[in-house]
Amino acid sequence: MSGRGVWLRARARLRRFPAALAACGDQAAAYGRCVAAAAAGPAELRRDACLEEFRALRECFARAVRLCPD
């Protein structure tokens, strides 16, 4: 069994990433702002501090990848 197929599938997914990111710019910006705000100051970044924003970004990526042609 060759590992070549694995790399071909991974490359295909990576080629779709820029289009998915462009389609989800608002969600990516909201997640980035949340992480930056949560990490600012003396307190440490807590797990799940930006869970709502992360889930919105993940759902947007999933939709965008389904809509992007291979």
PDB file of N, CA and C in Angstrom:
ATOM      1  N   MET A   1       0.842  -1.181   0.000  1.00  0.00           N
ATOM      2  CA  MET A   1       0.000   0.000   0.000  1.00  0.00           C
ATOM      3  C   MET A   1       0.887   1.244   0.000  1.00  0.00           C
ATOM      4  N   SER A   2       0.595   2.149  -0.895  1.00  0.00           N
ATOM      5  CA  SER A   2       1.411   3.346  -1.052  1.00  0.00           C
ATOM      6  C   SER A   2       0.837   4.516  -0.263  1.00  0.00           C
ATOM      7  N   GLY A   3       1.711   5.368   0.210  1.00  0.00           N
ATOM      8  CA  GLY A   3       1.283   6.560   0.912  1.00  0.00           C
ATOM      9  C   GLY A   3       1.001   7.713  -0.038  1.00  0.00           C
ATOM     10  N   ARG A   4       1.180   7.476  -1.323  1.00  0.00           N
ATOM     11  CA  ARG A   4       1.004   8.544  -2.312  1.00  0.00           C
ATOM     12  C   ARG A   4      -0.427   9.079  -2.308  1.00  0.00           C
ATOM     13  N   GLY A   5      -1.405   8.216  -2.178  1.00  0.00           N
ATOM     14  CA  GLY A   5      -2.797   8.640  -2.168  1.00  0.00           C
ATOM     15  C   GLY A   5      -3.110   9.570  -1.011  1.00  0.00           C
ATOM     16  N   VAL A   6      -2.476   9.318   0.118  1.00  0.00           N
ATOM     17  CA  VAL A   6      -2.681  10.162   1.291  1.00  0.00           C
ATOM     18  C   VAL A   6      -2.196  11.577   0.998  1.00  0.00           C
ATOM     19  N   TRP A   7      -1.018  11.687   0.395  1.00  0.00           N
ATOM     20  CA  TRP A   7      -0.465  13.006   0.097  1.00  0.00           C
ATOM     21  C   TRP A   7      -1.289  13.729  -0.956  1.00  0.00           C
ATOM     22  N   LEU A   8      -1.810  13.002  -1.933  1.00  0.00           N
ATOM     23  CA  LEU A   8      -2.638  13.631  -2.956  1.00  0.00           C
ATOM     24  C   LEU A   8      -3.917  14.198  -2.347  1.00  0.00           C
ATOM     25  N   ARG A   9      -4.536  13.461  -1.445  1.00  0.00           N
ATOM     26  CA  ARG A   9      -5.750  13.954  -0.781  1.00  0.00           C
ATOM     27  C   ARG A   9      -5.436  15.148   0.103  1.00  0.00           C
ATOM     28  N   ALA A  10      -4.312  15.098   0.803  1.00  0.00           N
ATOM     29  CA  ALA A  10      -3.927  16.222   1.665  1.00  0.00           C
ATOM     30  C   ALA A  10      -3.671  17.475   0.831  1.00  0.00           C
ATOM     31  N   ARG A  11      -2.995  17.333  -0.291  1.00  0.00           N
ATOM     32  CA  ARG A  11      -2.747  18.485  -1.160  1.00  0.00           C
ATOM     33  C   ARG A  11      -4.050  19.059  -1.706  1.00  0.00           C
ATOM     34  N   ALA A  12      -4.983  18.183  -2.045  1.00  0.00           N
ATOM     35  CA  ALA A  12      -6.273  18.655  -2.562  1.00  0.00           C
ATOM     36  C   ALA A  12      -7.004  19.474  -1.496  1.00  0.00           C
ATOM     37  N   ARG A  13      -6.962  19.019  -0.255  1.00  0.00           N
ATOM     38  CA  ARG A  13      -7.602  19.772   0.831  1.00  0.00           C
ATOM     39  C   ARG A  13      -6.905  21.113   1.046  1.00  0.00           C
ATOM     40  N   LEU A  14      -5.589  21.128   0.986  1.00  0.00           N
ATOM     41  CA  LEU A  14      -4.845  22.370   1.192  1.00  0.00           C
ATOM     42  C   LEU A  14      -5.093  23.378   0.076  1.00  0.00           C
ATOM     43  N   ARG A  15      -5.328  22.895  -1.136  1.00  0.00           N
ATOM     44  CA  ARG A  15      -5.619  23.811  -2.241  1.00  0.00           C
ATOM     45  C   ARG A  15      -6.946  24.532  -2.037  1.00  0.00           C
ATOM     46  N   ARG A  16      -7.866  23.916  -1.335  1.00  0.00           N
ATOM     47  CA  ARG A  16      -9.174  24.535  -1.088  1.00  0.00           C
ATOM     48  C   ARG A  16      -9.143  25.510   0.081  1.00  0.00           C
ATOM     49  N   PHE A  17      -8.096  25.478   0.887  1.00  0.00           N
ATOM     50  CA  PHE A  17      -8.039  26.293   2.091  1.00  0.00           C
ATOM     51  C   PHE A  17      -8.141  27.787   1.826  1.00  0.00           C
ATOM     52  N   PRO A  18      -7.415  28.368   0.859  1.00  0.00           N
ATOM     53  CA  PRO A  18      -7.525  29.818   0.639  1.00  0.00           C
ATOM     54  C   PRO A  18      -8.952  30.263   0.308  1.00  0.00           C
ATOM     55  N   ALA A  19      -9.659  29.487  -0.492  1.00  0.00           N
ATOM     56  CA  ALA A  19     -11.042  29.845  -0.831  1.00  0.00           C
ATOM     57  C   ALA A  19     -11.937  29.756   0.401  1.00  0.00           C
ATOM     58  N   ALA A  20     -11.727  28.739   1.216  1.00  0.00           N
ATOM     59  CA  ALA A  20     -12.522  28.597   2.438  1.00  0.00           C
ATOM     60  C   ALA A  20     -12.229  29.744   3.397  1.00  0.00           C
ATOM     61  N   LEU A  21     -10.984  30.117   3.519  1.00  0.00           N
ATOM     62  CA  LEU A  21     -10.616  31.226   4.401  1.00  0.00           C
ATOM     63  C   LEU A  21     -11.220  32.534   3.903  1.00  0.00           C
ATOM     64  N   ALA A  22     -11.190  32.749   2.602  1.00  0.00           N
ATOM     65  CA  ALA A  22     -11.772  33.962   2.037  1.00  0.00           C
ATOM     66  C   ALA A  22     -13.274  34.017   2.279  1.00  0.00           C
ATOM     67  N   ALA A  23     -13.926  32.865   2.229  1.00  0.00           N
ATOM     68  CA  ALA A  23     -15.377  32.807   2.443  1.00  0.00           C
ATOM     69  C   ALA A  23     -15.742  33.015   3.907  1.00  0.00           C
ATOM     70  N   CYS A  24     -14.794  32.823   4.806  1.00  0.00           N
ATOM     71  CA  CYS A  24     -15.072  32.885   6.249  1.00  0.00           C
ATOM     72  C   CYS A  24     -14.292  34.003   6.927  1.00  0.00           C
ATOM     73  N   GLY A  25     -14.048  35.062   6.223  1.00  0.00           N
ATOM     74  CA  GLY A  25     -13.253  36.160   6.764  1.00  0.00           C
ATOM     75  C   GLY A  25     -13.857  36.789   8.012  1.00  0.00           C
ATOM     76  N   ASP A  26     -15.170  36.973   8.016  1.00  0.00           N
ATOM     77  CA  ASP A  26     -15.810  37.590   9.180  1.00  0.00           C
ATOM     78  C   ASP A  26     -15.666  36.715  10.429  1.00  0.00           C
ATOM     79  N   GLN A  27     -15.878  35.406  10.256  1.00  0.00           N
ATOM     80  CA  GLN A  27     -15.768  34.489  11.393  1.00  0.00           C
ATOM     81  C   GLN A  27     -14.322  34.374  11.865  1.00  0.00           C
ATOM     82  N   ALA A  28     -13.376  34.368  10.930  1.00  0.00           N
ATOM     83  CA  ALA A  28     -11.965  34.298  11.303  1.00  0.00           C
ATOM     84  C   ALA A  28     -11.546  35.552  12.067  1.00  0.00           C
ATOM     85  N   ALA A  29     -12.035  36.705  11.626  1.00  0.00           N
ATOM     86  CA  ALA A  29     -11.708  37.956  12.312  1.00  0.00           C
ATOM     87  C   ALA A  29     -12.310  37.989  13.717  1.00  0.00           C
ATOM     88  N   ALA A  30     -13.542  37.515  13.851  1.00  0.00           N
ATOM     89  CA  ALA A  30     -14.190  37.491  15.168  1.00  0.00           C
ATOM     90  C   ALA A  30     -13.439  36.564  16.122  1.00  0.00           C
ATOM     91  N   TYR A  31     -13.018  35.407  15.626  1.00  0.00           N
ATOM     92  CA  TYR A  31     -12.260  34.474  16.464  1.00  0.00           C
ATOM     93  C   TYR A  31     -10.913  35.084  16.854  1.00  0.00           C
ATOM     94  N   GLY A  32     -10.250  35.722  15.908  1.00  0.00           N
ATOM     95  CA  GLY A  32      -8.966  36.360  16.200  1.00  0.00           C
ATOM     96  C   GLY A  32      -9.100  37.469  17.230  1.00  0.00           C
ATOM     97  N   ARG A  33     -10.139  38.287  17.101  1.00  0.00           N
ATOM     98  CA  ARG A  33     -10.364  39.346  18.088  1.00  0.00           C
ATOM     99  C   ARG A  33     -10.622  38.760  19.469  1.00  0.00           C
ATOM    100  N   CYS A  34     -11.399  37.686  19.521  1.00  0.00           N
ATOM    101  CA  CYS A  34     -11.702  37.058  20.804  1.00  0.00           C
ATOM    102  C   CYS A  34     -10.434  36.512  21.465  1.00  0.00           C
ATOM    103  N   VAL A  35      -9.622  35.817  20.700  1.00  0.00           N
ATOM    104  CA  VAL A  35      -8.380  35.256  21.246  1.00  0.00           C
ATOM    105  C   VAL A  35      -7.449  36.371  21.704  1.00  0.00           C
ATOM    106  N   ALA A  36      -7.339  37.428  20.899  1.00  0.00           N
ATOM    107  CA  ALA A  36      -6.469  38.547  21.275  1.00  0.00           C
ATOM    108  C   ALA A  36      -6.959  39.204  22.559  1.00  0.00           C
ATOM    109  N   ALA A  37      -8.263  39.387  22.685  1.00  0.00           N
ATOM    110  CA  ALA A  37      -8.814  40.010  23.889  1.00  0.00           C
ATOM    111  C   ALA A  37      -8.642  39.103  25.102  1.00  0.00           C
ATOM    112  N   ALA A  38      -8.832  37.799  24.901  1.00  0.00           N
ATOM    113  CA  ALA A  38      -8.721  36.860  26.011  1.00  0.00           C
ATOM    114  C   ALA A  38      -7.266  36.705  26.468  1.00  0.00           C
ATOM    115  N   ALA A  39      -6.332  36.885  25.550  1.00  0.00           N
ATOM    116  CA  ALA A  39      -4.915  36.724  25.889  1.00  0.00           C
ATOM    117  C   ALA A  39      -4.295  38.016  26.414  1.00  0.00           C
ATOM    118  N   ALA A  40      -4.987  39.119  26.255  1.00  0.00           N
ATOM    119  CA  ALA A  40      -4.451  40.401  26.709  1.00  0.00           C
ATOM    120  C   ALA A  40      -4.539  40.493  28.231  1.00  0.00           C
ATOM    121  N   GLY A  41      -3.631  41.210  28.784  1.00  0.00           N
ATOM    122  CA  GLY A  41      -3.648  41.412  30.228  1.00  0.00           C
ATOM    123  C   GLY A  41      -2.889  40.336  30.971  1.00  0.00           C
ATOM    124  N   PRO A  42      -2.946  40.412  32.287  1.00  0.00           N
ATOM    125  CA  PRO A  42      -2.151  39.505  33.115  1.00  0.00           C
ATOM    126  C   PRO A  42      -2.706  38.078  33.195  1.00  0.00           C
ATOM    127  N   ALA A  43      -3.984  37.892  32.913  1.00  0.00           N
ATOM    128  CA  ALA A  43      -4.581  36.557  33.032  1.00  0.00           C
ATOM    129  C   ALA A  43      -4.142  35.663  31.873  1.00  0.00           C
ATOM    130  N   GLU A  44      -4.073  34.380  32.133  1.00  0.00           N
ATOM    131  CA  GLU A  44      -3.728  33.423  31.095  1.00  0.00           C
ATOM    132  C   GLU A  44      -4.960  33.118  30.246  1.00  0.00           C
ATOM    133  N   LEU A  45      -4.711  32.700  29.031  1.00  0.00           N
ATOM    134  CA  LEU A  45      -5.794  32.317  28.128  1.00  0.00           C
ATOM    135  C   LEU A  45      -6.428  31.033  28.649  1.00  0.00           C
ATOM    136  N   ARG A  46      -7.737  31.064  28.820  1.00  0.00           N
ATOM    137  CA  ARG A  46      -8.458  29.891  29.321  1.00  0.00           C
ATOM    138  C   ARG A  46      -8.956  29.036  28.170  1.00  0.00           C
ATOM    139  N   ARG A  47      -9.003  27.747  28.425  1.00  0.00           N
ATOM    140  CA  ARG A  47      -9.565  26.820  27.449  1.00  0.00           C
ATOM    141  C   ARG A  47     -11.037  27.167  27.239  1.00  0.00           C
ATOM    142  N   ASP A  48     -11.492  27.094  26.017  1.00  0.00           N
ATOM    143  CA  ASP A  48     -12.877  27.365  25.638  1.00  0.00           C
ATOM    144  C   ASP A  48     -13.289  28.812  25.855  1.00  0.00           C
ATOM    145  N   ALA A  49     -12.339  29.726  25.993  1.00  0.00           N
ATOM    146  CA  ALA A  49     -12.669  31.136  26.177  1.00  0.00           C
ATOM    147  C   ALA A  49     -13.381  31.691  24.946  1.00  0.00           C
ATOM    148  N   CYS A  50     -13.056  31.181  23.786  1.00  0.00           N
ATOM    149  CA  CYS A  50     -13.640  31.665  22.530  1.00  0.00           C
ATOM    150  C   CYS A  50     -14.330  30.528  21.782  1.00  0.00           C
ATOM    151  N   LEU A  51     -14.945  29.652  22.529  1.00  0.00           N
ATOM    152  CA  LEU A  51     -15.550  28.464  21.937  1.00  0.00           C
ATOM    153  C   LEU A  51     -16.648  28.810  20.939  1.00  0.00           C
ATOM    154  N   GLU A  52     -17.483  29.768  21.264  1.00  0.00           N
ATOM    155  CA  GLU A  52     -18.580  30.138  20.357  1.00  0.00           C
ATOM    156  C   GLU A  52     -18.039  30.634  19.017  1.00  0.00           C
ATOM    157  N   GLU A  53     -17.019  31.480  19.062  1.00  0.00           N
ATOM    158  CA  GLU A  53     -16.417  32.009  17.840  1.00  0.00           C
ATOM    159  C   GLU A  53     -15.706  30.911  17.056  1.00  0.00           C
ATOM    160  N   PHE A  54     -15.042  29.996  17.777  1.00  0.00           N
ATOM    161  CA  PHE A  54     -14.357  28.895  17.109  1.00  0.00           C
ATOM    162  C   PHE A  54     -15.352  27.991  16.396  1.00  0.00           C
ATOM    163  N   ARG A  55     -16.445  27.684  17.060  1.00  0.00           N
ATOM    164  CA  ARG A  55     -17.470  26.828  16.433  1.00  0.00           C
ATOM    165  C   ARG A  55     -18.057  27.483  15.193  1.00  0.00           C
ATOM    166  N   ALA A  56     -18.293  28.778  15.254  1.00  0.00           N
ATOM    167  CA  ALA A  56     -18.814  29.488  14.080  1.00  0.00           C
ATOM    168  C   ALA A  56     -17.818  29.417  12.927  1.00  0.00           C
ATOM    169  N   LEU A  57     -16.536  29.589  13.225  1.00  0.00           N
ATOM    170  CA  LEU A  57     -15.502  29.507  12.191  1.00  0.00           C
ATOM    171  C   LEU A  57     -15.410  28.094  11.623  1.00  0.00           C
ATOM    172  N   ARG A  58     -15.449  27.097  12.485  1.00  0.00           N
ATOM    173  CA  ARG A  58     -15.371  25.709  12.029  1.00  0.00           C
ATOM    174  C   ARG A  58     -16.554  25.347  11.138  1.00  0.00           C
ATOM    175  N   GLU A  59     -17.753  25.781  11.519  1.00  0.00           N
ATOM    176  CA  GLU A  59     -18.938  25.505  10.696  1.00  0.00           C
ATOM    177  C   GLU A  59     -18.847  26.212   9.346  1.00  0.00           C
ATOM    178  N   CYS A  60     -18.337  27.432   9.349  1.00  0.00           N
ATOM    179  CA  CYS A  60     -18.168  28.156   8.096  1.00  0.00           C
ATOM    180  C   CYS A  60     -17.166  27.438   7.190  1.00  0.00           C
ATOM    181  N   PHE A  61     -16.052  27.002   7.743  1.00  0.00           N
ATOM    182  CA  PHE A  61     -15.073  26.244   6.959  1.00  0.00           C
ATOM    183  C   PHE A  61     -15.700  24.986   6.377  1.00  0.00           C
ATOM    184  N   ALA A  62     -16.465  24.275   7.170  1.00  0.00           N
ATOM    185  CA  ALA A  62     -17.097  23.044   6.693  1.00  0.00           C
ATOM    186  C   ALA A  62     -18.035  23.341   5.517  1.00  0.00           C
ATOM    187  N   ARG A  63     -18.827  24.411   5.642  1.00  0.00           N
ATOM    188  CA  ARG A  63     -19.725  24.788   4.540  1.00  0.00           C
ATOM    189  C   ARG A  63     -18.931  25.196   3.311  1.00  0.00           C
ATOM    190  N   ALA A  64     -17.900  25.991   3.510  1.00  0.00           N
ATOM    191  CA  ALA A  64     -17.105  26.487   2.386  1.00  0.00           C
ATOM    192  C   ALA A  64     -16.394  25.354   1.659  1.00  0.00           C
ATOM    193  N   VAL A  65     -15.893  24.385   2.392  1.00  0.00           N
ATOM    194  CA  VAL A  65     -15.189  23.262   1.763  1.00  0.00           C
ATOM    195  C   VAL A  65     -16.155  22.416   0.945  1.00  0.00           C
ATOM    196  N   ARG A  66     -17.376  22.255   1.446  1.00  0.00           N
ATOM    197  CA  ARG A  66     -18.369  21.489   0.681  1.00  0.00           C
ATOM    198  C   ARG A  66     -18.730  22.215  -0.600  1.00  0.00           C
ATOM    199  N   LEU A  67     -18.705  23.538  -0.607  1.00  0.00           N
ATOM    200  CA  LEU A  67     -19.097  24.311  -1.778  1.00  0.00           C
ATOM    201  C   LEU A  67     -17.969  24.525  -2.768  1.00  0.00           C
ATOM    202  N   CYS A  68     -16.720  24.427  -2.296  1.00  0.00           N
ATOM    203  CA  CYS A  68     -15.566  24.646  -3.169  1.00  0.00           C
ATOM    204  C   CYS A  68     -15.350  23.440  -4.069  1.00  0.00           C
ATOM    205  N   PRO A  69     -15.137  23.674  -5.348  1.00  0.00           N
ATOM    206  CA  PRO A  69     -14.851  22.539  -6.244  1.00  0.00           C
ATOM    207  C   PRO A  69     -13.454  21.979  -5.979  1.00  0.00           C
ATOM    208  N   ASP A  70     -13.271  20.739  -6.297  1.00  0.00           N
ATOM    209  CA  ASP A  70     -11.954  20.095  -6.132  1.00  0.00           C
ATOM    210  C   ASP A  70     -10.979  20.521  -7.185  1.00  0.00           C
TER     211      ASP A  70
END
